[in-house]
N, C-alpha and C. Protein backbone atom coordinates (compact mmCIF):
# COMPACT_ATOMS: atom_id res chain seq x y z
N MET A 1 -63.51 21.58 14.92
CA MET A 1 -62.29 21.97 15.72
C MET A 1 -61.67 23.53 15.87
N ASN A 2 -61.80 23.28 16.83
CA ASN A 2 -60.96 25.52 16.97
C ASN A 2 -59.49 25.16 16.08
N PRO A 3 -59.59 26.15 15.45
CA PRO A 3 -57.71 25.75 14.04
C PRO A 3 -56.74 26.10 14.49
N ASP A 4 -56.56 26.54 16.42
CA ASP A 4 -55.45 25.75 17.45
C ASP A 4 -54.83 24.28 17.29
N HIS A 5 -55.94 23.77 16.95
CA HIS A 5 -55.45 21.85 17.76
C HIS A 5 -55.08 21.85 16.24
N ARG A 6 -56.52 22.10 15.08
CA ARG A 6 -55.72 21.58 13.43
C ARG A 6 -54.49 21.80 13.25
N THR A 7 -53.20 22.70 13.64
CA THR A 7 -52.57 23.80 13.49
C THR A 7 -51.72 22.91 14.64
N VAL A 8 -51.49 22.64 15.45
CA VAL A 8 -51.48 21.53 16.52
C VAL A 8 -51.36 19.43 15.78
N ILE A 9 -52.41 19.83 14.66
CA ILE A 9 -52.62 17.95 14.60
C ILE A 9 -52.06 18.15 12.92
N THR A 10 -51.78 19.36 12.67
CA THR A 10 -50.43 19.25 11.30
C THR A 10 -49.55 18.99 10.87
N LEU A 11 -49.20 20.11 12.72
CA LEU A 11 -47.39 20.52 12.16
C LEU A 11 -46.90 18.75 13.25
N VAL A 12 -47.98 17.89 14.46
CA VAL A 12 -47.92 16.73 14.83
C VAL A 12 -47.75 15.36 13.57
N ILE A 13 -48.66 15.71 12.81
CA ILE A 13 -48.56 14.98 11.19
C ILE A 13 -47.53 15.15 10.67
N PHE A 14 -46.61 16.79 10.26
CA PHE A 14 -45.69 16.89 9.66
C PHE A 14 -44.35 16.54 10.29
N ILE A 15 -44.87 16.28 11.28
CA ILE A 15 -42.42 16.63 12.24
C ILE A 15 -43.00 14.25 12.00
N PHE A 16 -44.30 14.02 12.76
CA PHE A 16 -44.64 12.50 12.42
C PHE A 16 -43.95 11.81 11.53
N SER A 17 -44.08 12.24 9.95
CA SER A 17 -44.17 12.51 8.30
C SER A 17 -42.95 12.35 8.04
N ALA A 18 -42.02 12.91 8.18
CA ALA A 18 -40.81 13.99 8.89
C ALA A 18 -39.50 12.95 9.45
N ALA A 19 -40.36 12.54 10.72
CA ALA A 19 -38.98 11.63 10.59
C ALA A 19 -38.67 10.01 10.40
N LEU A 20 -40.36 9.82 10.09
CA LEU A 20 -40.61 8.27 9.62
C LEU A 20 -39.81 8.48 8.06
N PHE A 21 -40.11 9.86 7.74
CA PHE A 21 -39.17 9.24 5.75
C PHE A 21 -37.62 9.47 6.20
N LEU A 22 -37.07 10.02 7.82
CA LEU A 22 -35.59 9.81 7.47
C LEU A 22 -35.53 8.61 8.73
N ALA A 23 -36.12 8.11 9.31
CA ALA A 23 -35.90 6.97 8.84
C ALA A 23 -36.18 5.85 8.50
N LEU A 24 -35.93 6.39 7.54
CA LEU A 24 -36.64 4.96 6.07
C LEU A 24 -35.50 5.14 4.97
N GLY A 25 -34.97 6.57 5.29
CA GLY A 25 -34.15 7.28 4.18
C GLY A 25 -33.07 5.96 4.35
N LEU A 26 -33.14 6.62 5.87
CA LEU A 26 -31.61 5.85 6.65
C LEU A 26 -31.32 4.65 7.07
N ALA A 27 -32.57 3.14 7.14
CA ALA A 27 -32.41 1.96 6.39
C ALA A 27 -32.15 2.05 4.92
N ILE A 28 -32.56 2.06 4.65
CA ILE A 28 -32.12 2.02 2.80
C ILE A 28 -30.62 2.41 2.15
N GLY A 29 -30.58 3.14 2.80
CA GLY A 29 -29.29 3.43 2.36
C GLY A 29 -27.77 2.95 3.47
N MET A 30 -28.80 2.16 4.41
CA MET A 30 -27.54 1.69 5.67
C MET A 30 -27.65 0.18 4.87
N TRP A 31 -28.27 -0.08 4.15
CA TRP A 31 -29.38 -1.25 3.32
C TRP A 31 -28.32 -2.05 2.06
N TYR A 32 -28.77 -0.53 1.60
CA TYR A 32 -27.72 -0.90 -0.15
C TYR A 32 -26.38 0.31 0.18
N GLY A 33 -25.26 0.68 1.03
CA GLY A 33 -24.45 0.23 1.37
C GLY A 33 -23.52 -0.90 1.70
N ARG A 34 -24.77 -1.20 2.15
CA ARG A 34 -23.84 -3.41 3.14
C ARG A 34 -23.52 -3.99 2.01
N ARG A 35 -25.54 -3.80 0.73
CA ARG A 35 -24.88 -4.46 -0.58
C ARG A 35 -23.26 -4.52 -0.99
N ARG A 36 -23.38 -2.54 -1.00
CA ARG A 36 -22.12 -2.08 -2.08
C ARG A 36 -21.17 -2.98 -1.52
N GLU A 37 -21.38 -2.68 -0.28
CA GLU A 37 -19.56 -2.74 0.48
C GLU A 37 -19.69 -4.27 0.08
N ALA A 38 -20.54 -5.25 0.14
CA ALA A 38 -20.55 -6.79 -0.24
C ALA A 38 -19.96 -7.05 -1.29
N ALA A 39 -20.70 -5.78 -2.13
CA ALA A 39 -20.66 -6.47 -3.50
C ALA A 39 -18.56 -5.88 -3.70
N GLY A 40 -18.10 -5.32 -3.82
CA GLY A 40 -16.74 -3.95 -3.81
C GLY A 40 -16.10 -5.65 -3.01
N TRP A 41 -16.19 -6.30 -1.60
CA TRP A 41 -15.38 -7.34 -0.71
C TRP A 41 -15.41 -8.36 -1.72
N GLU A 42 -16.16 -9.10 -2.12
CA GLU A 42 -16.36 -9.78 -3.19
C GLU A 42 -15.46 -10.13 -4.23
N SER A 43 -15.40 -8.79 -5.05
CA SER A 43 -14.59 -8.02 -6.04
C SER A 43 -13.07 -8.45 -5.72
N ARG A 44 -12.61 -7.92 -3.99
CA ARG A 44 -11.66 -7.22 -3.71
C ARG A 44 -10.44 -9.32 -3.25
N LEU A 45 -12.19 -10.30 -3.05
CA LEU A 45 -11.39 -11.12 -2.13
C LEU A 45 -10.13 -11.54 -3.04
N PRO A 46 -10.78 -12.21 -4.37
CA PRO A 46 -9.76 -13.18 -4.79
C PRO A 46 -7.93 -12.53 -4.98
N ARG A 47 -8.09 -10.71 -5.09
CA ARG A 47 -6.99 -11.37 -4.98
C ARG A 47 -6.47 -10.22 -3.79
N ILE A 48 -7.21 -10.35 -2.04
CA ILE A 48 -6.15 -10.36 -1.09
C ILE A 48 -5.95 -12.24 -0.40
N VAL A 49 -7.00 -12.78 -1.12
CA VAL A 49 -6.26 -13.90 -0.59
C VAL A 49 -4.94 -14.20 -1.61
N LYS A 50 -4.79 -14.56 -2.58
CA LYS A 50 -3.81 -14.44 -3.60
C LYS A 50 -2.52 -14.05 -2.40
N THR A 51 -3.25 -12.18 -2.35
CA THR A 51 -1.55 -12.74 -2.06
C THR A 51 -0.94 -12.37 -0.09
N ARG A 52 -1.89 -12.88 0.26
CA ARG A 52 -2.19 -13.93 1.76
C ARG A 52 -1.08 -14.09 1.39
N LEU A 53 -2.35 -15.61 0.71
CA LEU A 53 -0.95 -16.66 -0.77
C LEU A 53 0.50 -17.03 0.01
N LYS A 54 0.44 -15.19 -0.91
CA LYS A 54 2.53 -14.92 -1.71
C LYS A 54 3.29 -14.95 -0.07
N GLN A 55 2.49 -14.02 0.99
CA GLN A 55 2.88 -13.62 2.20
C GLN A 55 3.02 -14.68 2.78
N SER A 56 1.94 -15.95 2.70
CA SER A 56 2.79 -16.67 3.21
C SER A 56 3.45 -18.14 3.04
N ARG A 57 3.60 -18.17 1.89
CA ARG A 57 4.28 -18.99 0.87
C ARG A 57 5.93 -18.62 1.69
N ALA A 58 6.08 -16.57 1.79
CA ALA A 58 7.18 -17.00 1.58
C ALA A 58 7.91 -16.62 3.24
N VAL A 59 6.70 -16.81 4.57
CA VAL A 59 7.15 -16.71 5.96
C VAL A 59 7.14 -18.10 5.84
N ILE A 60 6.64 -19.51 5.51
CA ILE A 60 7.31 -20.61 5.36
C ILE A 60 8.43 -20.81 5.03
N GLY A 61 8.93 -20.40 4.15
CA GLY A 61 10.11 -20.29 2.78
C GLY A 61 10.63 -20.43 3.79
N GLY A 62 10.63 -19.06 4.42
CA GLY A 62 12.33 -18.13 5.52
C GLY A 62 11.94 -19.19 6.16
N LEU A 63 10.84 -19.91 7.69
CA LEU A 63 11.33 -21.00 8.10
C LEU A 63 11.98 -22.10 7.86
N VAL A 64 11.48 -22.30 7.19
CA VAL A 64 12.68 -23.35 6.71
C VAL A 64 13.66 -23.14 5.64
N SER A 65 14.10 -22.41 5.16
CA SER A 65 15.61 -22.43 4.95
C SER A 65 16.22 -21.66 6.45
N GLU A 66 15.60 -20.58 6.98
CA GLU A 66 15.92 -20.80 8.36
C GLU A 66 16.57 -22.05 9.19
N GLN A 67 15.43 -22.78 9.05
CA GLN A 67 16.54 -23.63 10.17
C GLN A 67 16.97 -24.83 8.90
N MET A 68 17.67 -24.62 8.07
CA MET A 68 18.39 -25.63 7.12
C MET A 68 19.06 -24.84 6.84
N ALA A 69 19.63 -23.71 6.94
CA ALA A 69 20.65 -22.86 6.74
C ALA A 69 22.18 -23.42 6.95
N PRO A 70 22.63 -24.15 8.64
CA PRO A 70 23.61 -25.22 9.10
C PRO A 70 24.33 -25.71 7.59
N LEU A 71 23.15 -25.88 7.08
CA LEU A 71 23.47 -27.82 5.57
C LEU A 71 24.15 -27.09 4.81
N LEU A 72 23.08 -25.31 4.36
CA LEU A 72 24.10 -25.08 3.37
C LEU A 72 25.47 -24.66 3.45
N PRO A 73 25.87 -24.52 1.20
CA PRO A 73 27.22 -25.04 1.64
C PRO A 73 28.17 -22.74 2.36
N GLY A 74 28.86 -22.66 2.53
CA GLY A 74 29.85 -21.15 3.04
C GLY A 74 29.38 -20.98 4.54
N PHE A 75 27.94 -22.07 5.16
CA PHE A 75 27.96 -21.99 6.40
C PHE A 75 29.22 -21.37 7.69
N PRO A 76 29.52 -20.94 8.21
CA PRO A 76 30.15 -21.07 8.69
C PRO A 76 30.12 -21.53 10.52
N PHE A 77 29.07 -21.76 10.67
CA PHE A 77 29.50 -23.19 12.17
C PHE A 77 29.70 -24.59 11.51
N ASP A 78 29.56 -25.84 12.41
CA ASP A 78 29.91 -26.99 12.03
C ASP A 78 28.73 -27.52 13.12
N PRO A 79 27.78 -27.85 11.78
CA PRO A 79 26.28 -28.12 11.80
C PRO A 79 26.02 -28.95 13.37
N GLY A 80 26.87 -29.59 13.97
CA GLY A 80 26.61 -30.05 14.87
C GLY A 80 26.58 -29.92 15.83
N ASP A 81 27.35 -28.27 15.94
CA ASP A 81 27.30 -27.46 17.09
C ASP A 81 26.96 -26.54 17.51
N CYS A 82 25.89 -26.13 16.50
CA CYS A 82 24.27 -25.44 16.49
C CYS A 82 23.14 -25.96 17.34
N ARG A 83 22.36 -25.29 17.50
CA ARG A 83 20.69 -25.91 17.99
C ARG A 83 19.56 -24.60 17.83
N PHE A 84 19.11 -25.34 16.57
CA PHE A 84 17.88 -24.75 16.98
C PHE A 84 17.06 -24.23 17.67
N VAL A 85 16.67 -23.14 18.05
CA VAL A 85 16.03 -22.16 19.04
C VAL A 85 14.01 -21.77 18.59
N GLY A 86 15.05 -20.83 17.53
CA GLY A 86 13.85 -20.45 16.16
C GLY A 86 13.40 -18.39 17.44
N LYS A 87 13.22 -19.09 18.20
CA LYS A 87 12.72 -16.90 19.00
C LYS A 87 13.44 -17.34 20.11
N PRO A 88 13.53 -15.53 20.46
CA PRO A 88 13.97 -14.24 20.07
C PRO A 88 15.19 -14.56 19.16
N VAL A 89 16.26 -16.13 18.85
CA VAL A 89 17.19 -16.39 18.11
C VAL A 89 16.87 -17.56 17.34
N ASP A 90 17.34 -17.75 15.87
CA ASP A 90 17.38 -18.72 15.67
C ASP A 90 18.27 -19.68 16.00
N PHE A 91 19.78 -19.55 16.44
CA PHE A 91 20.82 -20.92 16.90
C PHE A 91 21.03 -20.39 17.91
N ILE A 92 21.94 -20.78 18.51
CA ILE A 92 22.68 -20.63 20.01
C ILE A 92 23.96 -21.85 19.18
N VAL A 93 24.43 -21.30 19.49
CA VAL A 93 25.60 -22.46 18.93
C VAL A 93 26.82 -22.38 19.20
N PHE A 94 27.44 -23.79 20.23
CA PHE A 94 28.29 -24.06 21.52
C PHE A 94 29.77 -24.66 20.44
N ARG A 95 30.55 -23.54 19.86
CA ARG A 95 31.29 -23.54 19.65
C ARG A 95 32.15 -24.92 19.73
N GLY A 96 33.42 -25.73 19.90
CA GLY A 96 33.27 -26.68 19.27
C GLY A 96 32.81 -28.42 20.13
N MET A 97 31.67 -28.47 20.66
CA MET A 97 30.87 -28.99 21.53
C MET A 97 30.93 -30.67 20.47
N ASN A 98 31.00 -30.35 18.70
CA ASN A 98 30.97 -31.39 18.44
C ASN A 98 32.43 -32.47 18.35
N GLY A 99 33.44 -31.41 18.78
CA GLY A 99 34.85 -31.04 18.27
C GLY A 99 35.13 -32.30 20.19
N HIS A 100 35.94 -31.65 21.16
CA HIS A 100 36.79 -31.88 22.06
C HIS A 100 35.97 -31.05 23.06
N GLY A 101 34.89 -30.25 22.89
CA GLY A 101 34.83 -29.06 24.02
C GLY A 101 34.45 -27.68 23.81
N ILE A 102 32.95 -26.81 24.34
CA ILE A 102 33.11 -25.72 24.25
C ILE A 102 33.99 -24.53 24.20
N GLY A 103 34.05 -23.74 23.64
CA GLY A 103 35.68 -22.73 23.66
C GLY A 103 34.50 -21.55 23.75
N GLU A 104 33.41 -21.46 22.70
CA GLU A 104 32.40 -20.11 23.33
C GLU A 104 30.49 -20.66 22.47
N VAL A 105 29.94 -19.79 23.16
CA VAL A 105 29.01 -19.89 22.49
C VAL A 105 28.13 -18.74 22.15
N ILE A 106 28.02 -18.88 20.89
CA ILE A 106 27.12 -17.53 20.12
C ILE A 106 25.74 -18.00 19.88
N PHE A 107 25.27 -16.38 19.53
CA PHE A 107 24.19 -16.30 19.64
C PHE A 107 23.64 -15.64 17.90
N LEU A 108 23.19 -16.53 17.02
CA LEU A 108 23.73 -16.75 16.08
C LEU A 108 21.34 -16.50 15.35
N GLU A 109 21.37 -15.74 14.59
CA GLU A 109 20.75 -15.05 13.65
C GLU A 109 20.65 -14.99 11.84
N VAL A 110 19.56 -16.00 11.83
CA VAL A 110 19.90 -16.02 10.42
C VAL A 110 18.78 -15.56 9.82
N LYS A 111 18.52 -14.36 8.69
CA LYS A 111 18.41 -13.39 8.32
C LYS A 111 18.19 -14.57 6.90
N SER A 112 16.82 -14.47 5.80
CA SER A 112 16.34 -14.43 4.50
C SER A 112 15.42 -13.69 3.53
N GLY A 113 15.57 -13.98 2.95
CA GLY A 113 14.85 -12.33 2.19
C GLY A 113 14.59 -11.41 1.83
N ALA A 114 13.84 -10.97 1.36
CA ALA A 114 14.42 -8.69 1.31
C ALA A 114 14.66 -8.57 2.50
N GLU A 115 13.93 -8.62 3.16
CA GLU A 115 13.49 -8.46 5.07
C GLU A 115 14.42 -8.91 5.88
N ARG A 116 16.00 -7.95 6.37
CA ARG A 116 17.22 -8.62 6.09
C ARG A 116 17.97 -7.36 8.35
N ARG A 117 16.33 -6.68 8.11
CA ARG A 117 16.49 -5.77 9.49
C ARG A 117 16.25 -6.86 10.98
N LEU A 118 16.63 -6.37 12.08
CA LEU A 118 16.24 -7.46 13.18
C LEU A 118 15.26 -6.74 13.80
N SER A 119 14.39 -8.04 14.28
CA SER A 119 13.53 -6.90 14.62
C SER A 119 13.88 -6.41 15.44
N ASP A 120 11.93 -5.89 16.78
CA ASP A 120 12.42 -5.06 18.23
C ASP A 120 13.81 -5.76 19.09
N GLN A 121 12.79 -7.11 19.76
CA GLN A 121 13.22 -7.49 20.48
C GLN A 121 14.76 -8.52 19.81
N GLU A 122 15.27 -8.53 18.81
CA GLU A 122 16.39 -9.00 18.01
C GLU A 122 17.60 -8.49 18.78
N LYS A 123 17.25 -6.67 18.24
CA LYS A 123 18.68 -6.41 18.75
C LYS A 123 18.20 -5.60 20.62
N ARG A 124 17.12 -5.90 21.01
CA ARG A 124 17.72 -5.52 22.65
C ARG A 124 18.38 -7.09 22.46
N LEU A 125 18.23 -8.42 22.54
CA LEU A 125 18.66 -9.71 23.11
C LEU A 125 20.37 -9.23 21.96
N ARG A 126 20.10 -9.08 21.16
CA ARG A 126 21.68 -8.78 20.69
C ARG A 126 22.44 -7.75 21.46
N ASP A 127 21.84 -6.66 21.79
CA ASP A 127 22.41 -5.13 22.54
C ASP A 127 22.36 -5.55 24.13
N THR A 128 21.90 -6.69 24.71
CA THR A 128 21.91 -7.53 26.12
C THR A 128 23.61 -8.47 26.55
N ILE A 129 23.51 -9.10 25.16
CA ILE A 129 24.49 -10.38 24.92
C ILE A 129 26.03 -9.31 24.83
N ARG A 130 25.91 -7.87 23.87
CA ARG A 130 26.92 -7.21 23.45
C ARG A 130 27.49 -6.72 25.87
N ALA A 131 26.32 -6.76 25.95
CA ALA A 131 26.71 -5.95 27.15
C ALA A 131 26.81 -6.83 28.30
N GLY A 132 27.44 -8.17 27.70
CA GLY A 132 28.02 -8.75 28.17
C GLY A 132 26.34 -9.27 29.86
N ARG A 133 25.86 -9.28 29.82
CA ARG A 133 24.27 -9.73 30.55
C ARG A 133 23.38 -10.65 30.81
N VAL A 134 25.18 -11.92 29.90
CA VAL A 134 24.55 -13.17 30.48
C VAL A 134 25.04 -13.52 31.61
N ARG A 135 24.61 -14.38 31.49
CA ARG A 135 24.62 -15.63 33.15
C ARG A 135 24.76 -17.04 33.13
N TRP A 136 25.05 -18.10 33.57
CA TRP A 136 24.43 -19.52 33.98
C TRP A 136 24.22 -19.71 35.16
N GLU A 137 22.64 -19.93 34.63
CA GLU A 137 21.67 -20.79 36.22
C GLU A 137 21.37 -22.14 36.30
N GLN A 138 21.51 -23.10 37.02
CA GLN A 138 20.72 -24.32 36.87
C GLN A 138 20.17 -24.37 38.12
N PHE A 139 19.31 -25.44 37.80
CA PHE A 139 17.34 -25.84 38.52
C PHE A 139 17.74 -26.86 38.45
N ASP A 140 17.34 -27.90 39.49
CA ASP A 140 17.37 -29.32 40.49
C ASP A 140 16.16 -28.73 40.42
N ILE A 141 15.11 -30.24 39.72
CA ILE A 141 13.23 -30.48 39.92
C ILE A 141 13.92 -31.02 41.18
N ARG A 142 14.66 -31.74 41.89
CA ARG A 142 14.24 -32.39 42.24
C ARG A 142 13.73 -31.63 44.42
N LEU A 143 14.16 -30.53 44.03
CA LEU A 143 13.92 -29.16 45.11
C LEU A 143 12.89 -28.80 45.45
N VAL A 144 11.68 -29.19 43.91
CA VAL A 144 10.56 -28.86 43.60
C VAL A 144 9.69 -29.11 45.16
N GLN A 145 9.06 -29.38 45.29
CA GLN A 145 8.39 -29.53 46.09
C GLN A 145 7.00 -29.81 45.50
């Protein structure tokens, strides 16, 4: 064999060995990383579940308390005048409906817990109502073909 061929063959074997070594190192590194990540996840899982359950209970408690608000002492409206909507506002109060007639319509948002800020959608609804962009419409289902 000619010395040039030997050099080329040696170089090819070296490049092939280096590529094989790099590929093997990458595969082992990825395997080790996945194992390490899975082990970390398993150790954090109980804390994550506990946090999520606590948040879920708080949300459910807030939803229940919002719906029960008309029955609480100090609620400023007649519970019979209140209709629960839920989103984007909690109640529509038809003041006077339980008596002689509706004298006022009030959009009521009930807040509970530490977070008392209005959501962006609640703020937009508040601003729309304050600007007077509210109207009456009627839909006659008999006109639908």
